[in-house]
Amino acid sequence: MKKTLFPLFLLVLALFSCKETEDPIMACGVADPVENLPWLKEKIAEIKAGDYSDATSVIMATYQGQTVFYEHTCCAFCLSVAYFFYDCQGEIVEGDGIYLELEDQQVIWKSKNSNCNS
């Protein structure tokens, strides 16, 4: 009986533990904003071409109910970092203390060679 149940158990475990694809990130009315928001795709191409591509990631978050994006640089030897927050149209979002009010932050892009933990 044990010989029959063990292979069946392994089969059931394998079927339920695998997920073929992850659900795409939805933002700004599109699936996969990295590929489907032209301004963001262009911004990421600029990051890739820059000197700090392996130290930069793109973060998506919510600020006062709206989706925002920003570049996060984890450069250990950089003396300062300026954050620019962009809305779904790629326009800069202004406000005091935006970073402190961000919710639901998630990394939506980083280099394959990234040395960041974010």
PDB file of N, CA and C in Angstrom:
ATOM      1  N   MET A   1       0.820  -1.200   0.000  1.00  0.00           N
ATOM      2  CA  MET A   1       0.000   0.000   0.000  1.00  0.00           C
ATOM      3  C   MET A   1       0.861   1.261   0.000  1.00  0.00           C
ATOM      4  N   LYS A   2       1.941   1.268   0.826  1.00  0.00           N
ATOM      5  CA  LYS A   2       2.825   2.425   0.880  1.00  0.00           C
ATOM      6  C   LYS A   2       3.513   2.651  -0.466  1.00  0.00           C
ATOM      7  N   LYS A   3       3.847   1.552  -1.148  1.00  0.00           N
ATOM      8  CA  LYS A   3       4.507   1.664  -2.448  1.00  0.00           C
ATOM      9  C   LYS A   3       3.589   2.317  -3.479  1.00  0.00           C
ATOM     10  N   THR A   4       2.301   2.167  -3.353  1.00  0.00           N
ATOM     11  CA  THR A   4       1.337   2.746  -4.276  1.00  0.00           C
ATOM     12  C   THR A   4       1.064   4.207  -3.944  1.00  0.00           C
ATOM     13  N   LEU A   5       0.971   4.527  -2.680  1.00  0.00           N
ATOM     14  CA  LEU A   5       0.637   5.889  -2.262  1.00  0.00           C
ATOM     15  C   LEU A   5       1.792   6.868  -2.446  1.00  0.00           C
ATOM     16  N   PHE A   6       3.010   6.423  -2.245  1.00  0.00           N
ATOM     17  CA  PHE A   6       4.145   7.337  -2.336  1.00  0.00           C
ATOM     18  C   PHE A   6       4.284   7.967  -3.730  1.00  0.00           C
ATOM     19  N   PRO A   7       4.268   7.179  -4.819  1.00  0.00           N
ATOM     20  CA  PRO A   7       4.346   7.808  -6.148  1.00  0.00           C
ATOM     21  C   PRO A   7       3.156   8.725  -6.436  1.00  0.00           C
ATOM     22  N   LEU A   8       1.981   8.331  -5.954  1.00  0.00           N
ATOM     23  CA  LEU A   8       0.801   9.176  -6.141  1.00  0.00           C
ATOM     24  C   LEU A   8       0.959  10.494  -5.383  1.00  0.00           C
ATOM     25  N   PHE A   9       1.487  10.430  -4.180  1.00  0.00           N
ATOM     26  CA  PHE A   9       1.751  11.629  -3.384  1.00  0.00           C
ATOM     27  C   PHE A   9       2.744  12.552  -4.100  1.00  0.00           C
ATOM     28  N   LEU A  10       3.806  11.998  -4.645  1.00  0.00           N
ATOM     29  CA  LEU A  10       4.798  12.802  -5.373  1.00  0.00           C
ATOM     30  C   LEU A  10       4.186  13.469  -6.601  1.00  0.00           C
ATOM     31  N   LEU A  11       3.335  12.752  -7.304  1.00  0.00           N
ATOM     32  CA  LEU A  11       2.682  13.321  -8.480  1.00  0.00           C
ATOM     33  C   LEU A  11       1.785  14.489  -8.094  1.00  0.00           C
ATOM     34  N   VAL A  12       0.979  14.306  -7.049  1.00  0.00           N
ATOM     35  CA  VAL A  12       0.088  15.383  -6.588  1.00  0.00           C
ATOM     36  C   VAL A  12       0.907  16.577  -6.130  1.00  0.00           C
ATOM     37  N   LEU A  13       1.972  16.332  -5.397  1.00  0.00           N
ATOM     38  CA  LEU A  13       2.844  17.415  -4.919  1.00  0.00           C
ATOM     39  C   LEU A  13       3.454  18.180  -6.091  1.00  0.00           C
ATOM     40  N   ALA A  14       3.913  17.483  -7.096  1.00  0.00           N
ATOM     41  CA  ALA A  14       4.515  18.132  -8.268  1.00  0.00           C
ATOM     42  C   ALA A  14       3.489  18.971  -9.028  1.00  0.00           C
ATOM     43  N   LEU A  15       2.284  18.468  -9.163  1.00  0.00           N
ATOM     44  CA  LEU A  15       1.250  19.198  -9.899  1.00  0.00           C
ATOM     45  C   LEU A  15       0.860  20.497  -9.211  1.00  0.00           C
ATOM     46  N   PHE A  16       0.789  20.490  -7.899  1.00  0.00           N
ATOM     47  CA  PHE A  16       0.349  21.673  -7.174  1.00  0.00           C
ATOM     48  C   PHE A  16       1.478  22.625  -6.813  1.00  0.00           C
ATOM     49  N   SER A  17       2.721  22.207  -6.953  1.00  0.00           N
ATOM     50  CA  SER A  17       3.829  23.083  -6.578  1.00  0.00           C
ATOM     51  C   SER A  17       4.364  23.895  -7.749  1.00  0.00           C
ATOM     52  N   CYS A  18       3.999  23.561  -8.951  1.00  0.00           N
ATOM     53  CA  CYS A  18       4.507  24.263 -10.125  1.00  0.00           C
ATOM     54  C   CYS A  18       3.503  25.305 -10.604  1.00  0.00           C
ATOM     55  N   LYS A  19       4.018  26.454 -10.939  1.00  0.00           N
ATOM     56  CA  LYS A  19       3.198  27.493 -11.535  1.00  0.00           C
ATOM     57  C   LYS A  19       3.896  27.891 -12.824  1.00  0.00           C
ATOM     58  N   GLU A  20       3.203  27.739 -13.939  1.00  0.00           N
ATOM     59  CA  GLU A  20       3.838  27.956 -15.228  1.00  0.00           C
ATOM     60  C   GLU A  20       4.283  29.394 -15.434  1.00  0.00           C
ATOM     61  N   THR A  21       3.414  30.337 -15.180  1.00  0.00           N
ATOM     62  CA  THR A  21       3.766  31.738 -15.362  1.00  0.00           C
ATOM     63  C   THR A  21       3.214  32.551 -14.202  1.00  0.00           C
ATOM     64  N   GLU A  22       3.910  33.609 -13.904  1.00  0.00           N
ATOM     65  CA  GLU A  22       3.410  34.531 -12.898  1.00  0.00           C
ATOM     66  C   GLU A  22       2.436  35.493 -13.558  1.00  0.00           C
ATOM     67  N   ASP A  23       1.485  35.964 -12.772  1.00  0.00           N
ATOM     68  CA  ASP A  23       0.563  36.966 -13.292  1.00  0.00           C
ATOM     69  C   ASP A  23       1.345  38.230 -13.593  1.00  0.00           C
ATOM     70  N   PRO A  24       1.092  38.860 -14.741  1.00  0.00           N
ATOM     71  CA  PRO A  24       1.832  40.078 -15.075  1.00  0.00           C
ATOM     72  C   PRO A  24       1.446  41.215 -14.127  1.00  0.00           C
ATOM     73  N   ILE A  25       2.384  42.107 -13.919  1.00  0.00           N
ATOM     74  CA  ILE A  25       2.125  43.286 -13.104  1.00  0.00           C
ATOM     75  C   ILE A  25       1.154  44.170 -13.874  1.00  0.00           C
ATOM     76  N   MET A  26       0.117  44.617 -13.203  1.00  0.00           N
ATOM     77  CA  MET A  26      -0.858  45.525 -13.799  1.00  0.00           C
ATOM     78  C   MET A  26      -0.658  46.905 -13.201  1.00  0.00           C
ATOM     79  N   ALA A  27      -0.571  47.916 -14.041  1.00  0.00           N
ATOM     80  CA  ALA A  27      -0.443  49.297 -13.573  1.00  0.00           C
ATOM     81  C   ALA A  27      -0.819  50.236 -14.703  1.00  0.00           C
ATOM     82  N   CYS A  28      -1.425  51.330 -14.350  1.00  0.00           N
ATOM     83  CA  CYS A  28      -1.749  52.374 -15.321  1.00  0.00           C
ATOM     84  C   CYS A  28      -2.607  51.851 -16.475  1.00  0.00           C
ATOM     85  N   GLY A  29      -3.406  50.848 -16.207  1.00  0.00           N
ATOM     86  CA  GLY A  29      -4.301  50.309 -17.223  1.00  0.00           C
ATOM     87  C   GLY A  29      -3.648  49.371 -18.216  1.00  0.00           C
ATOM     88  N   VAL A  30      -2.412  48.948 -17.941  1.00  0.00           N
ATOM     89  CA  VAL A  30      -1.724  48.030 -18.846  1.00  0.00           C
ATOM     90  C   VAL A  30      -1.094  46.887 -18.043  1.00  0.00           C
ATOM     91  N   ALA A  31      -0.964  45.756 -18.712  1.00  0.00           N
ATOM     92  CA  ALA A  31      -0.207  44.650 -18.140  1.00  0.00           C
ATOM     93  C   ALA A  31       1.259  44.880 -18.484  1.00  0.00           C
ATOM     94  N   ASP A  32       2.136  44.603 -17.558  1.00  0.00           N
ATOM     95  CA  ASP A  32       3.581  44.738 -17.751  1.00  0.00           C
ATOM     96  C   ASP A  32       3.974  46.165 -18.159  1.00  0.00           C
ATOM     97  N   PRO A  33       3.900  47.107 -17.222  1.00  0.00           N
ATOM     98  CA  PRO A  33       4.221  48.501 -17.544  1.00  0.00           C
ATOM     99  C   PRO A  33       5.642  48.709 -18.053  1.00  0.00           C
ATOM    100  N   VAL A  34       6.564  47.832 -17.687  1.00  0.00           N
ATOM    101  CA  VAL A  34       7.951  47.951 -18.165  1.00  0.00           C
ATOM    102  C   VAL A  34       8.000  47.859 -19.684  1.00  0.00           C
ATOM    103  N   GLU A  35       7.173  47.027 -20.253  1.00  0.00           N
ATOM    104  CA  GLU A  35       7.144  46.861 -21.708  1.00  0.00           C
ATOM    105  C   GLU A  35       6.080  47.701 -22.386  1.00  0.00           C
ATOM    106  N   ASN A  36       4.988  48.023 -21.689  1.00  0.00           N
ATOM    107  CA  ASN A  36       3.839  48.638 -22.347  1.00  0.00           C
ATOM    108  C   ASN A  36       3.599  50.113 -22.046  1.00  0.00           C
ATOM    109  N   LEU A  37       4.440  50.721 -21.244  1.00  0.00           N
ATOM    110  CA  LEU A  37       4.412  52.177 -21.086  1.00  0.00           C
ATOM    111  C   LEU A  37       5.645  52.715 -21.816  1.00  0.00           C
ATOM    112  N   PRO A  38       5.465  53.318 -22.993  1.00  0.00           N
ATOM    113  CA  PRO A  38       6.607  53.735 -23.813  1.00  0.00           C
ATOM    114  C   PRO A  38       7.614  54.604 -23.072  1.00  0.00           C
ATOM    115  N   TRP A  39       7.158  55.569 -22.287  1.00  0.00           N
ATOM    116  CA  TRP A  39       8.086  56.447 -21.580  1.00  0.00           C
ATOM    117  C   TRP A  39       8.909  55.665 -20.557  1.00  0.00           C
ATOM    118  N   LEU A  40       8.310  54.655 -19.901  1.00  0.00           N
ATOM    119  CA  LEU A  40       9.029  53.860 -18.906  1.00  0.00           C
ATOM    120  C   LEU A  40      10.032  52.932 -19.583  1.00  0.00           C
ATOM    121  N   LYS A  41       9.632  52.381 -20.700  1.00  0.00           N
ATOM    122  CA  LYS A  41      10.546  51.529 -21.469  1.00  0.00           C
ATOM    123  C   LYS A  41      11.766  52.329 -21.907  1.00  0.00           C
ATOM    124  N   GLU A  42      11.539  53.567 -22.332  1.00  0.00           N
ATOM    125  CA  GLU A  42      12.639  54.450 -22.731  1.00  0.00           C
ATOM    126  C   GLU A  42      13.528  54.800 -21.530  1.00  0.00           C
ATOM    127  N   LYS A  43      12.922  55.068 -20.378  1.00  0.00           N
ATOM    128  CA  LYS A  43      13.673  55.394 -19.165  1.00  0.00           C
ATOM    129  C   LYS A  43      14.570  54.216 -18.767  1.00  0.00           C
ATOM    130  N   ILE A  44      14.050  53.006 -18.868  1.00  0.00           N
ATOM    131  CA  ILE A  44      14.836  51.821 -18.530  1.00  0.00           C
ATOM    132  C   ILE A  44      15.969  51.622 -19.531  1.00  0.00           C
ATOM    133  N   ALA A  45      15.728  51.916 -20.796  1.00  0.00           N
ATOM    134  CA  ALA A  45      16.806  51.841 -21.804  1.00  0.00           C
ATOM    135  C   ALA A  45      17.918  52.826 -21.457  1.00  0.00           C
ATOM    136  N   GLU A  46      17.559  54.018 -20.971  1.00  0.00           N
ATOM    137  CA  GLU A  46      18.560  54.997 -20.539  1.00  0.00           C
ATOM    138  C   GLU A  46      19.352  54.474 -19.336  1.00  0.00           C
ATOM    139  N   ILE A  47      18.672  53.837 -18.402  1.00  0.00           N
ATOM    140  CA  ILE A  47      19.354  53.269 -17.234  1.00  0.00           C
ATOM    141  C   ILE A  47      20.338  52.192 -17.673  1.00  0.00           C
ATOM    142  N   LYS A  48      19.887  51.308 -18.569  1.00  0.00           N
ATOM    143  CA  LYS A  48      20.744  50.223 -19.061  1.00  0.00           C
ATOM    144  C   LYS A  48      22.011  50.753 -19.721  1.00  0.00           C
ATOM    145  N   ALA A  49      21.896  51.895 -20.402  1.00  0.00           N
ATOM    146  CA  ALA A  49      23.039  52.477 -21.104  1.00  0.00           C
ATOM    147  C   ALA A  49      23.942  53.286 -20.173  1.00  0.00           C
ATOM    148  N   GLY A  50      23.490  53.534 -18.956  1.00  0.00           N
ATOM    149  CA  GLY A  50      24.251  54.368 -18.030  1.00  0.00           C
ATOM    150  C   GLY A  50      25.319  53.611 -17.256  1.00  0.00           C
ATOM    151  N   ASP A  51      26.097  54.376 -16.523  1.00  0.00           N
ATOM    152  CA  ASP A  51      27.202  53.815 -15.749  1.00  0.00           C
ATOM    153  C   ASP A  51      26.750  53.013 -14.533  1.00  0.00           C
ATOM    154  N   TYR A  52      25.558  53.259 -14.035  1.00  0.00           N
ATOM    155  CA  TYR A  52      25.111  52.625 -12.796  1.00  0.00           C
ATOM    156  C   TYR A  52      23.947  51.665 -13.008  1.00  0.00           C
ATOM    157  N   SER A  53      23.886  51.040 -14.175  1.00  0.00           N
ATOM    158  CA  SER A  53      22.747  50.167 -14.472  1.00  0.00           C
ATOM    159  C   SER A  53      22.649  48.995 -13.499  1.00  0.00           C
ATOM    160  N   ASP A  54      23.779  48.469 -13.061  1.00  0.00           N
ATOM    161  CA  ASP A  54      23.742  47.339 -12.131  1.00  0.00           C
ATOM    162  C   ASP A  54      23.451  47.766 -10.703  1.00  0.00           C
ATOM    163  N   ALA A  55      23.397  49.066 -10.464  1.00  0.00           N
ATOM    164  CA  ALA A  55      23.102  49.589  -9.127  1.00  0.00           C
ATOM    165  C   ALA A  55      21.769  50.326  -9.099  1.00  0.00           C
ATOM    166  N   THR A  56      20.977  50.191 -10.155  1.00  0.00           N
ATOM    167  CA  THR A  56      19.717  50.920 -10.244  1.00  0.00           C
ATOM    168  C   THR A  56      18.567  49.961 -10.506  1.00  0.00           C
ATOM    169  N   SER A  57      17.467  50.205  -9.830  1.00  0.00           N
ATOM    170  CA  SER A  57      16.250  49.452 -10.072  1.00  0.00           C
ATOM    171  C   SER A  57      15.097  50.444 -10.239  1.00  0.00           C
ATOM    172  N   VAL A  58      14.007  49.976 -10.815  1.00  0.00           N
ATOM    173  CA  VAL A  58      12.823  50.814 -10.972  1.00  0.00           C
ATOM    174  C   VAL A  58      11.762  50.269 -10.024  1.00  0.00           C
ATOM    175  N   ILE A  59      11.224  51.171  -9.218  1.00  0.00           N
ATOM    176  CA  ILE A  59      10.248  50.817  -8.205  1.00  0.00           C
ATOM    177  C   ILE A  59       8.893  51.405  -8.590  1.00  0.00           C
ATOM    178  N   MET A  60       7.842  50.625  -8.397  1.00  0.00           N
ATOM    179  CA  MET A  60       6.477  51.102  -8.568  1.00  0.00           C
ATOM    180  C   MET A  60       5.858  51.160  -7.171  1.00  0.00           C
ATOM    181  N   ALA A  61       5.101  52.213  -6.909  1.00  0.00           N
ATOM    182  CA  ALA A  61       4.484  52.382  -5.596  1.00  0.00           C
ATOM    183  C   ALA A  61       3.177  53.146  -5.751  1.00  0.00           C
ATOM    184  N   THR A  62       2.501  53.329  -4.638  1.00  0.00           N
ATOM    185  CA  THR A  62       1.282  54.128  -4.601  1.00  0.00           C
ATOM    186  C   THR A  62       1.544  55.341  -3.733  1.00  0.00           C
ATOM    187  N   TYR A  63       1.199  56.512  -4.256  1.00  0.00           N
ATOM    188  CA  TYR A  63       1.330  57.768  -3.531  1.00  0.00           C
ATOM    189  C   TYR A  63       0.001  58.504  -3.623  1.00  0.00           C
ATOM    190  N   GLN A  64      -0.626  58.713  -2.504  1.00  0.00           N
ATOM    191  CA  GLN A  64      -1.928  59.387  -2.429  1.00  0.00           C
ATOM    192  C   GLN A  64      -2.924  58.806  -3.435  1.00  0.00           C
ATOM    193  N   GLY A  65      -2.951  57.473  -3.513  1.00  0.00           N
ATOM    194  CA  GLY A  65      -3.920  56.786  -4.356  1.00  0.00           C
ATOM    195  C   GLY A  65      -3.546  56.647  -5.820  1.00  0.00           C
ATOM    196  N   GLN A  66      -2.410  57.203  -6.231  1.00  0.00           N
ATOM    197  CA  GLN A  66      -2.016  57.074  -7.632  1.00  0.00           C
ATOM    198  C   GLN A  66      -0.732  56.262  -7.757  1.00  0.00           C
ATOM    199  N   THR A  67      -0.584  55.598  -8.883  1.00  0.00           N
ATOM    200  CA  THR A  67       0.621  54.821  -9.157  1.00  0.00           C
ATOM    201  C   THR A  67       1.749  55.764  -9.528  1.00  0.00           C
ATOM    202  N   VAL A  68       2.911  55.539  -8.920  1.00  0.00           N
ATOM    203  CA  VAL A  68       4.109  56.310  -9.246  1.00  0.00           C
ATOM    204  C   VAL A  68       5.269  55.344  -9.462  1.00  0.00           C
ATOM    205  N   PHE A  69       6.264  55.822 -10.184  1.00  0.00           N
ATOM    206  CA  PHE A  69       7.472  55.055 -10.472  1.00  0.00           C
ATOM    207  C   PHE A  69       8.669  55.922 -10.113  1.00  0.00           C
ATOM    208  N   TYR A  70       9.739  55.267  -9.668  1.00  0.00           N
ATOM    209  CA  TYR A  70      10.982  55.997  -9.430  1.00  0.00           C
ATOM    210  C   TYR A  70      12.170  55.059  -9.562  1.00  0.00           C
ATOM    211  N   GLU A  71      13.325  55.665  -9.812  1.00  0.00           N
ATOM    212  CA  GLU A  71      14.577  54.923  -9.903  1.00  0.00           C
ATOM    213  C   GLU A  71      15.198  54.871  -8.515  1.00  0.00           C
ATOM    214  N   HIS A  72      15.629  53.696  -8.119  1.00  0.00           N
ATOM    215  CA  HIS A  72      16.326  53.546  -6.851  1.00  0.00           C
ATOM    216  C   HIS A  72      17.756  53.125  -7.153  1.00  0.00           C
ATOM    217  N   THR A  73      18.715  53.876  -6.658  1.00  0.00           N
ATOM    218  CA  THR A  73      20.116  53.553  -6.866  1.00  0.00           C
ATOM    219  C   THR A  73      20.725  53.114  -5.546  1.00  0.00           C
ATOM    220  N   CYS A  74      21.343  51.951  -5.556  1.00  0.00           N
ATOM    221  CA  CYS A  74      21.981  51.436  -4.348  1.00  0.00           C
ATOM    222  C   CYS A  74      23.497  51.547  -4.481  1.00  0.00           C
ATOM    223  N   CYS A  75      23.927  52.700  -4.855  1.00  0.00           N
ATOM    224  CA  CYS A  75      25.347  52.979  -5.086  1.00  0.00           C
ATOM    225  C   CYS A  75      26.007  53.316  -3.750  1.00  0.00           C
ATOM    226  N   ALA A  76      26.905  52.444  -3.305  1.00  0.00           N
ATOM    227  CA  ALA A  76      27.543  52.615  -1.994  1.00  0.00           C
ATOM    228  C   ALA A  76      28.480  53.817  -1.947  1.00  0.00           C
ATOM    229  N   PHE A  77      29.057  54.200  -3.081  1.00  0.00           N
ATOM    230  CA  PHE A  77      30.016  55.300  -3.063  1.00  0.00           C
ATOM    231  C   PHE A  77      29.448  56.613  -3.593  1.00  0.00           C
ATOM    232  N   CYS A  78      28.169  56.652  -3.908  1.00  0.00           N
ATOM    233  CA  CYS A  78      27.529  57.897  -4.341  1.00  0.00           C
ATOM    234  C   CYS A  78      27.260  58.766  -3.111  1.00  0.00           C
ATOM    235  N   LEU A  79      27.548  60.041  -3.210  1.00  0.00           N
ATOM    236  CA  LEU A  79      27.391  60.929  -2.064  1.00  0.00           C
ATOM    237  C   LEU A  79      25.954  61.389  -1.865  1.00  0.00           C
ATOM    238  N   SER A  80      25.175  61.412  -2.920  1.00  0.00           N
ATOM    239  CA  SER A  80      23.780  61.811  -2.772  1.00  0.00           C
ATOM    240  C   SER A  80      22.928  61.126  -3.842  1.00  0.00           C
ATOM    241  N   VAL A  81      21.682  61.019  -3.532  1.00  0.00           N
ATOM    242  CA  VAL A  81      20.740  60.407  -4.468  1.00  0.00           C
ATOM    243  C   VAL A  81      19.508  61.290  -4.534  1.00  0.00           C
ATOM    244  N   ALA A  82      19.105  61.653  -5.734  1.00  0.00           N
ATOM    245  CA  ALA A  82      17.893  62.447  -5.925  1.00  0.00           C
ATOM    246  C   ALA A  82      16.826  61.535  -6.511  1.00  0.00           C
ATOM    247  N   TYR A  83      15.658  61.568  -5.927  1.00  0.00           N
ATOM    248  CA  TYR A  83      14.555  60.764  -6.430  1.00  0.00           C
ATOM    249  C   TYR A  83      13.616  61.650  -7.234  1.00  0.00           C
ATOM    250  N   PHE A  84      13.245  61.155  -8.414  1.00  0.00           N
ATOM    251  CA  PHE A  84      12.215  61.796  -9.218  1.00  0.00           C
ATOM    252  C   PHE A  84      11.094  60.785  -9.354  1.00  0.00           C
ATOM    253  N   PHE A  85       9.896  61.212  -9.029  1.00  0.00           N
ATOM    254  CA  PHE A  85       8.734  60.344  -9.069  1.00  0.00           C
ATOM    255  C   PHE A  85       7.917  60.681 -10.304  1.00  0.00           C
ATOM    256  N   TYR A  86       7.471  59.637 -11.013  1.00  0.00           N
ATOM    257  CA  TYR A  86       6.737  59.828 -12.261  1.00  0.00           C
ATOM    258  C   TYR A  86       5.359  59.182 -12.151  1.00  0.00           C
ATOM    259  N   ASP A  87       4.370  59.822 -12.778  1.00  0.00           N
ATOM    260  CA  ASP A  87       3.026  59.247 -12.816  1.00  0.00           C
ATOM    261  C   ASP A  87       2.910  58.323 -14.030  1.00  0.00           C
ATOM    262  N   CYS A  88       1.719  57.852 -14.306  1.00  0.00           N
ATOM    263  CA  CYS A  88       1.502  56.904 -15.404  1.00  0.00           C
ATOM    264  C   CYS A  88       1.814  57.476 -16.783  1.00  0.00           C
ATOM    265  N   GLN A  89       1.786  58.810 -16.929  1.00  0.00           N
ATOM    266  CA  GLN A  89       2.087  59.446 -18.206  1.00  0.00           C
ATOM    267  C   GLN A  89       3.553  59.834 -18.325  1.00  0.00           C
ATOM    268  N   GLY A  90       4.336  59.571 -17.273  1.00  0.00           N
ATOM    269  CA  GLY A  90       5.749  59.924 -17.293  1.00  0.00           C
ATOM    270  C   GLY A  90       6.022  61.349 -16.834  1.00  0.00           C
ATOM    271  N   GLU A  91       5.010  62.005 -16.292  1.00  0.00           N
ATOM    272  CA  GLU A  91       5.164  63.365 -15.782  1.00  0.00           C
ATOM    273  C   GLU A  91       5.689  63.313 -14.346  1.00  0.00           C
ATOM    274  N   ILE A  92       6.540  64.258 -13.990  1.00  0.00           N
ATOM    275  CA  ILE A  92       7.090  64.294 -12.640  1.00  0.00           C
ATOM    276  C   ILE A  92       6.007  64.670 -11.642  1.00  0.00           C
ATOM    277  N   VAL A  93       5.948  63.901 -10.563  1.00  0.00           N
ATOM    278  CA  VAL A  93       5.012  64.153  -9.468  1.00  0.00           C
ATOM    279  C   VAL A  93       5.781  64.923  -8.405  1.00  0.00           C
ATOM    280  N   GLU A  94       5.227  66.049  -8.010  1.00  0.00           N
ATOM    281  CA  GLU A  94       5.904  66.882  -7.024  1.00  0.00           C
ATOM    282  C   GLU A  94       5.155  66.860  -5.708  1.00  0.00           C
ATOM    283  N   GLY A  95       5.902  67.038  -4.650  1.00  0.00           N
ATOM    284  CA  GLY A  95       5.311  67.084  -3.320  1.00  0.00           C
ATOM    285  C   GLY A  95       6.394  66.912  -2.274  1.00  0.00           C
ATOM    286  N   ASP A  96       6.155  67.454  -1.111  1.00  0.00           N
ATOM    287  CA  ASP A  96       7.122  67.333  -0.021  1.00  0.00           C
ATOM    288  C   ASP A  96       6.973  65.975   0.655  1.00  0.00           C
ATOM    289  N   GLY A  97       8.067  65.309   0.843  1.00  0.00           N
ATOM    290  CA  GLY A  97       8.050  64.057   1.576  1.00  0.00           C
ATOM    291  C   GLY A  97       7.359  62.906   0.886  1.00  0.00           C
ATOM    292  N   ILE A  98       7.352  62.889  -0.440  1.00  0.00           N
ATOM    293  CA  ILE A  98       6.689  61.805  -1.173  1.00  0.00           C
ATOM    294  C   ILE A  98       7.231  60.450  -0.718  1.00  0.00           C
ATOM    295  N   TYR A  99       8.546  60.354  -0.620  1.00  0.00           N
ATOM    296  CA  TYR A  99       9.174  59.073  -0.298  1.00  0.00           C
ATOM    297  C   TYR A  99       8.630  58.493   1.006  1.00  0.00           C
ATOM    298  N   LEU A 100       8.329  59.350   1.960  1.00  0.00           N
ATOM    299  CA  LEU A 100       7.831  58.904   3.258  1.00  0.00           C
ATOM    300  C   LEU A 100       6.383  58.433   3.208  1.00  0.00           C
ATOM    301  N   GLU A 101       5.652  58.812   2.167  1.00  0.00           N
ATOM    302  CA  GLU A 101       4.240  58.459   2.058  1.00  0.00           C
ATOM    303  C   GLU A 101       3.970  57.321   1.068  1.00  0.00           C
ATOM    304  N   LEU A 102       5.010  56.723   0.516  1.00  0.00           N
ATOM    305  CA  LEU A 102       4.819  55.657  -0.468  1.00  0.00           C
ATOM    306  C   LEU A 102       4.272  54.396   0.183  1.00  0.00           C
ATOM    307  N   GLU A 103       3.379  53.734  -0.534  1.00  0.00           N
ATOM    308  CA  GLU A 103       2.809  52.468  -0.086  1.00  0.00           C
ATOM    309  C   GLU A 103       2.971  51.440  -1.198  1.00  0.00           C
ATOM    310  N   ASP A 104       2.910  50.187  -0.836  1.00  0.00           N
ATOM    311  CA  ASP A 104       2.911  49.071  -1.794  1.00  0.00           C
ATOM    312  C   ASP A 104       4.084  49.138  -2.769  1.00  0.00           C
ATOM    313  N   GLN A 105       5.265  49.411  -2.274  1.00  0.00           N
ATOM    314  CA  GLN A 105       6.434  49.501  -3.149  1.00  0.00           C
ATOM    315  C   GLN A 105       6.845  48.114  -3.634  1.00  0.00           C
ATOM    316  N   GLN A 106       7.173  48.028  -4.921  1.00  0.00           N
ATOM    317  CA  GLN A 106       7.690  46.775  -5.464  1.00  0.00           C
ATOM    318  C   GLN A 106       8.640  47.057  -6.612  1.00  0.00           C
ATOM    319  N   VAL A 107       9.680  46.262  -6.686  1.00  0.00           N
ATOM    320  CA  VAL A 107      10.646  46.371  -7.776  1.00  0.00           C
ATOM    321  C   VAL A 107      10.000  45.791  -9.021  1.00  0.00           C
ATOM    322  N   ILE A 108       9.977  46.587 -10.095  1.00  0.00           N
ATOM    323  CA  ILE A 108       9.409  46.076 -11.348  1.00  0.00           C
ATOM    324  C   ILE A 108      10.479  45.861 -12.412  1.00  0.00           C
ATOM    325  N   TRP A 109      11.681  46.407 -12.173  1.00  0.00           N
ATOM    326  CA  TRP A 109      12.797  46.150 -13.081  1.00  0.00           C
ATOM    327  C   TRP A 109      14.102  46.329 -12.336  1.00  0.00           C
ATOM    328  N   LYS A 110      15.044  45.429 -12.612  1.00  0.00           N
ATOM    329  CA  LYS A 110      16.426  45.625 -12.209  1.00  0.00           C
ATOM    330  C   LYS A 110      17.296  44.805 -13.156  1.00  0.00           C
ATOM    331  N   SER A 111      18.527  45.204 -13.259  1.00  0.00           N
ATOM    332  CA  SER A 111      19.472  44.540 -14.154  1.00  0.00           C
ATOM    333  C   SER A 111      19.651  43.077 -13.752  1.00  0.00           C
ATOM    334  N   LYS A 112      19.887  42.240 -14.729  1.00  0.00           N
ATOM    335  CA  LYS A 112      20.174  40.832 -14.431  1.00  0.00           C
ATOM    336  C   LYS A 112      21.447  40.695 -13.610  1.00  0.00           C
ATOM    337  N   ASN A 113      22.329  41.684 -13.721  1.00  0.00           N
ATOM    338  CA  ASN A 113      23.586  41.685 -12.964  1.00  0.00           C
ATOM    339  C   ASN A 113      23.507  42.583 -11.746  1.00  0.00           C
ATOM    340  N   SER A 114      22.310  42.870 -11.298  1.00  0.00           N
ATOM    341  CA  SER A 114      22.103  43.822 -10.216  1.00  0.00           C
ATOM    342  C   SER A 114      22.863  43.408  -8.963  1.00  0.00           C
ATOM    343  N   ASN A 115      23.457  44.420  -8.331  1.00  0.00           N
ATOM    344  CA  ASN A 115      24.124  44.181  -7.055  1.00  0.00           C
ATOM    345  C   ASN A 115      23.321  44.793  -5.921  1.00  0.00           C
ATOM    346  N   CYS A 116      22.049  45.103  -6.179  1.00  0.00           N
ATOM    347  CA  CYS A 116      21.148  45.679  -5.181  1.00  0.00           C
ATOM    348  C   CYS A 116      20.344  44.576  -4.500  1.00  0.00           C
ATOM    349  N   ASN A 117      20.020  44.800  -3.259  1.00  0.00           N
ATOM    350  CA  ASN A 117      19.163  43.863  -2.528  1.00  0.00           C
ATOM    351  C   ASN A 117      17.690  44.249  -2.606  1.00  0.00           C
ATOM    352  N   SER A 118      17.387  45.412  -3.154  1.00  0.00           N
ATOM    353  CA  SER A 118      15.990  45.872  -3.192  1.00  0.00           C
ATOM    354  C   SER A 118      15.197  45.148  -4.234  1.00  0.00           C
TER     355      SER A 118
END
